[in-house]
């Protein structure tokens, strides 16, 4: 399903959290040799991705060499590539400034303030440290192609290969103004492995859908899969039960954000953007967003009464 209404409602609620300040988009990913191990212990190793990404940002931003301030950021897990292959990675929307210990605002202007190579090494170290700790406490599971890593020598070889591989995070400045931040967030928060519009055609045996060919500068091409394989790939991206995919940190942490964001606005001299949908019922939301009046008859234009719901009595 397209997730359009939940996405719009989530984005609208985030209006009140946005500042007129620089924002950056960071992507944290791991070598694909870890994919079988991650898929076998999804909840633990997805959580490890969040821990490593958030700790990396927290520690580097707090360092006076880079910024020396407490920043705010949102981490969002995606587990798929364009072809619905398994590709776990964390999208991070990072506020380009923050509060110092004496509650002053500090930023580095429009330039990204964290050295990408340093981000890469710190993230790799933190993720591998948690992976090894989970191994030592025997919390990891191994299935399918990951079965061989039950052997400590095979696991040690995997760890050594990961340390010898350069982990390459991606960073770009993504926004021009607070309103573009809100629109940009919607691209990543409520995505699923594939949306309806990418499915081109299907028959009794196959499904054809559009994918990005990154070898050809992201141009679109068609991919046809057997129906069973299409469903298998889709189901790989169903998250563990009650798993929280969108997580807020630092200034944007829900426990403290109201007080800290108010202070940031006062220091920056920027206004608070208000939610447009707060307090609306779903019929009002649909009318506001899409002009759809669900309480009006499409044929005659007359009002539709509320349905009478009969609640059965308990015996």
Protein backbone atom coordinates (compact mmCIF):
# COMPACT_ATOMS: atom_id res chain seq x y z
CA UNK A 1 0.00 0.00 0.00
CA UNK A 2 1.16 3.56 -0.68
CA UNK A 3 1.20 4.80 2.96
CA UNK A 4 0.27 8.27 1.70
CA UNK A 5 -2.04 9.32 4.56
CA UNK A 6 0.18 8.02 7.42
CA UNK A 7 3.16 9.66 5.74
CA UNK A 8 1.38 13.02 5.42
CA UNK A 9 0.18 12.89 9.05
CA UNK A 10 3.66 12.02 10.32
CA UNK A 11 5.25 14.78 8.25
CA UNK A 12 2.67 17.27 9.48
CA UNK A 13 3.43 16.40 13.11
CA UNK A 14 7.16 16.95 12.43
CA UNK A 15 6.53 20.56 11.36
CA UNK A 16 6.70 21.54 15.01
CA UNK A 17 10.16 19.94 15.37
CA UNK A 18 11.86 21.67 12.44
CA UNK A 19 14.32 24.55 12.78
CA UNK A 20 15.52 27.09 10.21
CA UNK A 21 19.00 25.60 10.18
CA UNK A 22 21.16 23.37 7.94
CA UNK A 23 20.26 19.68 7.71
CA UNK A 24 22.24 16.78 6.31
CA UNK A 25 21.36 13.29 5.09
CA UNK A 26 23.71 10.50 6.20
CA UNK A 27 23.43 6.86 5.13
CA UNK A 28 25.13 4.18 7.26
CA UNK A 29 25.57 0.79 5.62
CA UNK A 30 27.55 -2.40 6.29
CA UNK A 31 29.48 -4.77 3.99
CA UNK A 32 27.20 -7.29 2.26
CA UNK A 33 29.25 -10.18 3.70
CA UNK A 34 27.39 -9.48 6.96
CA UNK A 35 23.93 -9.80 5.40
CA UNK A 36 23.40 -13.54 6.15
CA UNK A 37 24.34 -13.00 9.81
CA UNK A 38 22.10 -9.92 10.14
CA UNK A 39 19.15 -11.71 8.54
CA UNK A 40 19.50 -14.62 10.99
CA UNK A 41 19.32 -12.30 14.04
CA UNK A 42 17.32 -9.40 12.70
CA UNK A 43 16.11 -7.64 15.84
CA UNK A 44 19.47 -7.74 17.61
CA UNK A 45 21.53 -6.67 14.62
CA UNK A 46 19.05 -4.07 13.37
CA UNK A 47 19.19 -2.56 16.86
CA UNK A 48 22.99 -2.70 16.63
CA UNK A 49 22.79 -0.58 13.46
CA UNK A 50 20.85 2.09 15.35
CA UNK A 51 23.22 1.94 18.32
CA UNK A 52 26.34 2.24 16.16
CA UNK A 53 24.95 5.06 13.99
CA UNK A 54 23.57 7.10 16.91
CA UNK A 55 26.67 6.63 19.09
CA UNK A 56 28.91 7.64 16.18
CA UNK A 57 27.03 10.89 15.63
CA UNK A 58 26.73 11.64 19.35
CA UNK A 59 30.42 11.11 20.11
CA UNK A 60 31.80 12.94 17.06
CA UNK A 61 29.45 15.93 17.38
CA UNK A 62 30.25 16.27 21.09
CA UNK A 63 33.97 16.44 20.24
CA UNK A 64 35.13 20.06 20.13
CA UNK A 65 37.36 19.24 17.14
CA UNK A 66 34.25 18.72 15.00
CA UNK A 67 31.40 20.69 16.58
CA UNK A 68 31.31 20.46 20.38
CA UNK A 69 27.53 20.46 20.72
CA UNK A 70 24.50 18.25 21.27
CA UNK A 71 22.69 17.81 17.94
CA UNK A 72 19.36 16.28 16.93
CA UNK A 73 18.82 13.51 14.42
CA UNK A 74 16.32 10.92 13.20
CA UNK A 75 17.36 7.38 12.21
CA UNK A 76 15.23 5.31 9.81
CA UNK A 77 15.94 1.67 8.91
CA UNK A 78 15.62 0.43 5.33
CA UNK A 79 16.38 -3.22 4.56
CA UNK A 80 16.04 -3.32 0.77
CA UNK A 81 17.75 -2.36 -2.43
CA UNK A 82 15.96 -1.39 -5.63
CA UNK A 83 15.56 -5.04 -6.68
CA UNK A 84 14.12 -5.94 -3.23
CA UNK A 85 17.40 -7.64 -2.37
CA UNK A 86 18.45 -7.67 1.28
CA UNK A 87 20.43 -4.49 1.96
CA UNK A 88 20.08 -3.20 5.56
CA UNK A 89 21.11 0.43 6.07
CA UNK A 90 20.22 3.43 8.23
CA UNK A 91 19.08 6.77 6.81
CA UNK A 92 19.87 9.61 9.21
CA UNK A 93 18.49 13.14 8.99
CA UNK A 94 20.99 15.22 10.97
CA UNK A 95 20.50 18.77 12.24
CA UNK A 96 23.59 20.74 11.25
CA UNK A 97 24.02 22.46 14.61
CA UNK A 98 23.26 22.05 18.27
CA UNK A 99 23.46 23.22 21.86
CA UNK A 100 26.72 23.59 23.72
CA UNK A 101 27.06 22.71 27.40
CA UNK A 102 26.36 26.34 28.35
CA UNK A 103 23.19 26.32 26.16
CA UNK A 104 24.49 28.34 23.23
CA UNK A 105 23.68 27.48 19.61
CA UNK A 106 26.66 26.35 17.55
CA UNK A 107 26.96 25.31 13.89
CA UNK A 108 29.48 25.30 11.04
CA UNK A 109 27.23 26.97 8.50
CA UNK A 110 26.36 25.14 5.30
CA UNK A 111 29.39 22.81 5.39
CA UNK A 112 29.20 19.28 6.73
CA UNK A 113 31.29 19.24 9.90
CA UNK A 114 32.18 15.54 10.30
CA UNK A 115 35.06 13.98 8.30
CA UNK A 116 33.53 11.11 6.32
CA UNK A 117 36.55 8.82 6.83
CA UNK A 118 36.37 9.36 10.58
CA UNK A 119 32.63 8.63 10.54
CA UNK A 120 33.36 5.41 8.64
CA UNK A 121 36.00 4.14 11.08
CA UNK A 122 34.05 5.03 14.22
CA UNK A 123 30.84 3.46 12.89
CA UNK A 124 32.68 0.28 11.87
CA UNK A 125 34.32 0.01 15.27
CA UNK A 126 31.09 0.47 17.21
CA UNK A 127 29.08 -1.96 15.07
CA UNK A 128 31.74 -4.67 15.15
CA UNK A 129 32.18 -4.29 18.90
CA UNK A 130 28.48 -4.95 19.49
CA UNK A 131 28.49 -7.83 17.00
CA UNK A 132 31.40 -9.50 18.82
CA UNK A 133 29.73 -8.95 22.20
CA UNK A 134 26.54 -10.63 20.96
CA UNK A 135 28.63 -13.53 19.69
CA UNK A 136 30.49 -13.91 23.00
CA UNK A 137 27.22 -13.92 24.98
CA UNK A 138 25.75 -16.51 22.57
CA UNK A 139 22.78 -14.34 21.65
CA UNK A 140 23.19 -14.63 17.89
CA UNK A 141 21.33 -17.18 15.75
CA UNK A 142 22.67 -18.65 12.52
CA UNK A 143 20.49 -20.03 9.75
CA UNK A 144 20.82 -20.82 6.06
CA UNK A 145 24.03 -19.48 4.52
CA UNK A 146 25.04 -18.10 7.96
CA UNK A 147 25.22 -21.58 9.55
CA UNK A 148 28.99 -21.83 9.04
CA UNK A 149 29.54 -18.87 11.38
CA UNK A 150 28.62 -21.00 14.36
CA UNK A 151 32.23 -22.14 14.08
CA UNK A 152 34.41 -19.67 15.98
CA UNK A 153 37.18 -19.78 13.37
CA UNK A 154 34.76 -18.98 10.55
CA UNK A 155 33.27 -16.16 12.64
CA UNK A 156 36.73 -14.77 13.44
CA UNK A 157 37.58 -14.80 9.73
CA UNK A 158 34.35 -12.90 9.00
CA UNK A 159 35.23 -10.31 11.64
CA UNK A 160 38.73 -9.89 10.20
CA UNK A 161 37.32 -9.39 6.70
CA UNK A 162 34.93 -6.73 8.00
CA UNK A 163 37.75 -4.82 9.69
CA UNK A 164 39.86 -4.95 6.52
CA UNK A 165 36.97 -3.57 4.43
CA UNK A 166 36.40 0.17 4.18
CA UNK A 167 32.86 1.04 5.25
CA UNK A 168 31.69 3.93 3.11
CA UNK A 169 28.93 6.14 4.55
CA UNK A 170 27.15 8.54 2.23
CA UNK A 171 26.47 12.17 3.11
CA UNK A 172 24.83 15.07 1.33
CA UNK A 173 23.27 18.37 2.24
CA UNK A 174 19.64 17.80 1.46
CA UNK A 175 17.63 20.88 2.27
CA UNK A 176 17.04 24.54 1.59
CA UNK A 177 14.75 25.80 4.32
CA UNK A 178 12.53 24.19 6.93
CA UNK A 179 9.66 23.33 4.59
CA UNK A 180 11.93 21.32 2.30
CA UNK A 181 13.09 19.33 5.35
CA UNK A 182 9.52 18.19 5.91
CA UNK A 183 9.04 17.15 2.29
CA UNK A 184 12.39 15.37 2.24
CA UNK A 185 11.58 13.38 5.39
CA UNK A 186 8.52 11.90 3.70
CA UNK A 187 10.72 10.25 1.06
CA UNK A 188 12.28 7.95 3.63
CA UNK A 189 10.03 7.53 6.65
CA UNK A 190 7.12 5.50 5.27
CA UNK A 191 8.68 3.69 2.33
CA UNK A 192 8.28 -0.05 1.98
CA UNK A 193 10.25 -2.52 -0.14
CA UNK A 194 8.17 -1.78 -3.24
CA UNK A 195 5.24 0.52 -3.95
CA UNK A 196 2.27 -0.24 -6.20
CA UNK A 197 3.30 2.12 -8.98
CA UNK A 198 6.55 0.23 -9.62
CA UNK A 199 4.69 -2.97 -10.55
CA UNK A 200 4.36 -2.89 -14.33
CA UNK A 201 2.55 -6.15 -15.09
CA UNK A 202 2.06 -9.70 -13.86
CA UNK A 203 0.65 -13.01 -15.06
CA UNK A 204 0.09 -16.42 -13.51
CA UNK A 205 3.83 -17.10 -13.23
CA UNK A 206 5.80 -13.83 -13.13
CA UNK A 207 5.85 -10.26 -11.86
CA UNK A 208 7.58 -7.44 -13.75
CA UNK A 209 8.53 -4.24 -11.93
CA UNK A 210 10.81 -1.25 -12.44
CA UNK A 211 14.21 -1.06 -10.72
CA UNK A 212 17.06 1.44 -10.71
CA UNK A 213 20.24 0.43 -12.50
CA UNK A 214 22.95 2.15 -10.45
CA UNK A 215 25.61 0.99 -12.91
CA UNK A 216 23.97 3.28 -15.46
CA UNK A 217 23.58 6.41 -13.30
CA UNK A 218 20.32 5.29 -11.70
CA UNK A 219 18.36 4.85 -14.92
CA UNK A 220 15.20 2.74 -14.69
CA UNK A 221 14.87 -0.72 -16.20
CA UNK A 222 12.44 -3.65 -15.99
CA UNK A 223 13.04 -6.78 -13.91
CA UNK A 224 10.91 -9.93 -14.21
CA UNK A 225 10.84 -12.47 -11.38
CA UNK A 226 8.91 -15.70 -10.79
CA UNK A 227 5.93 -14.97 -8.55
CA UNK A 228 7.26 -17.08 -5.66
CA UNK A 229 10.62 -15.29 -5.77
CA UNK A 230 8.88 -11.91 -5.85
CA UNK A 231 6.90 -12.78 -2.70
CA UNK A 232 10.02 -14.23 -1.01
CA UNK A 233 11.95 -11.00 -1.60
CA UNK A 234 9.05 -8.88 -0.36
CA UNK A 235 8.67 -10.89 2.85
CA UNK A 236 12.39 -10.51 3.67
CA UNK A 237 11.59 -6.91 4.60
CA UNK A 238 8.80 -7.57 7.10
CA UNK A 239 10.29 -6.27 10.34
CA UNK A 240 10.22 -8.13 13.68
CA UNK A 241 7.01 -7.66 15.64
CA UNK A 242 6.71 -4.26 17.40
CA UNK A 243 10.03 -3.12 15.98
CA UNK A 244 10.36 0.70 16.04
CA UNK A 245 11.74 1.81 12.66
CA UNK A 246 11.84 5.61 13.16
CA UNK A 247 13.89 6.70 16.17
CA UNK A 248 14.69 10.20 17.46
CA UNK A 249 17.87 11.23 19.26
CA UNK A 250 19.56 14.19 20.93
CA UNK A 251 17.62 17.44 20.75
CA UNK A 252 14.80 15.60 18.95
CA UNK A 253 14.39 12.95 21.68
CA UNK A 254 10.70 12.98 22.71
CA UNK A 255 11.45 13.36 26.44
CA UNK A 256 13.30 16.65 26.10
CA UNK A 257 12.58 18.07 22.65
CA UNK A 258 9.87 20.57 23.63
CA UNK A 259 12.14 22.43 26.03
CA UNK A 260 15.30 22.17 23.94
CA UNK A 261 13.69 23.05 20.60
CA UNK A 262 12.10 26.12 22.19
CA UNK A 263 15.53 27.20 23.40
CA UNK A 264 17.01 26.60 19.92
CA UNK A 265 14.30 28.71 18.27
CA UNK A 266 14.95 31.55 20.68
CA UNK A 267 18.69 31.41 20.00
CA UNK A 268 18.22 31.21 16.23
CA UNK A 269 15.38 33.72 16.11
CA UNK A 270 13.21 31.42 13.98
CA UNK A 271 9.50 30.77 14.24
CA UNK A 272 7.69 27.56 15.15
CA UNK A 273 5.90 25.83 12.29
CA UNK A 274 2.48 24.64 13.39
CA UNK A 275 0.78 21.37 12.55
CA UNK A 276 -2.11 21.71 10.10
CA UNK A 277 -3.76 18.36 10.81
CA UNK A 278 -3.60 18.23 14.61
CA UNK A 279 -7.01 17.35 16.12
CA UNK A 280 -8.63 16.51 12.77
CA UNK A 281 -10.69 13.38 12.26
CA UNK A 282 -9.88 11.20 9.25
CA UNK A 283 -12.69 12.65 7.04
CA UNK A 284 -11.29 16.14 7.71
CA UNK A 285 -7.75 14.96 6.96
CA UNK A 286 -8.80 13.48 3.61
CA UNK A 287 -10.64 16.65 2.64
CA UNK A 288 -7.73 18.89 3.66
CA UNK A 289 -5.09 16.84 1.85
CA UNK A 290 -6.90 15.60 -1.24
CA UNK A 291 -10.23 17.42 -1.42
CA UNK A 292 -12.07 14.13 -0.87
CA UNK A 293 -15.35 14.55 1.00
CA UNK A 294 -16.11 11.09 2.33
CA UNK A 295 -19.24 12.34 4.15
CA UNK A 296 -20.83 13.61 0.95
CA UNK A 297 -22.63 11.35 -1.53
CA UNK A 298 -20.78 11.26 -4.86
CA UNK A 299 -24.02 10.95 -6.85
CA UNK A 300 -26.39 13.50 -5.31
CA UNK A 301 -24.02 15.65 -3.23
CA UNK A 302 -26.12 15.14 -0.12
CA UNK A 303 -24.68 14.46 3.34
CA UNK A 304 -24.07 10.89 4.40
CA UNK A 305 -25.17 10.01 7.91
CA UNK A 306 -22.87 8.32 10.37
CA UNK A 307 -23.22 4.54 10.25
CA UNK A 308 -25.12 3.02 13.13
CA UNK A 309 -22.90 0.44 14.80
CA UNK A 310 -24.74 -2.22 16.73
CA UNK A 311 -22.72 -3.37 19.74
CA UNK A 312 -23.77 -6.86 20.87
CA UNK A 313 -24.65 -7.23 24.50
CA UNK A 314 -22.51 -9.40 26.70
CA UNK A 315 -24.17 -12.51 28.12
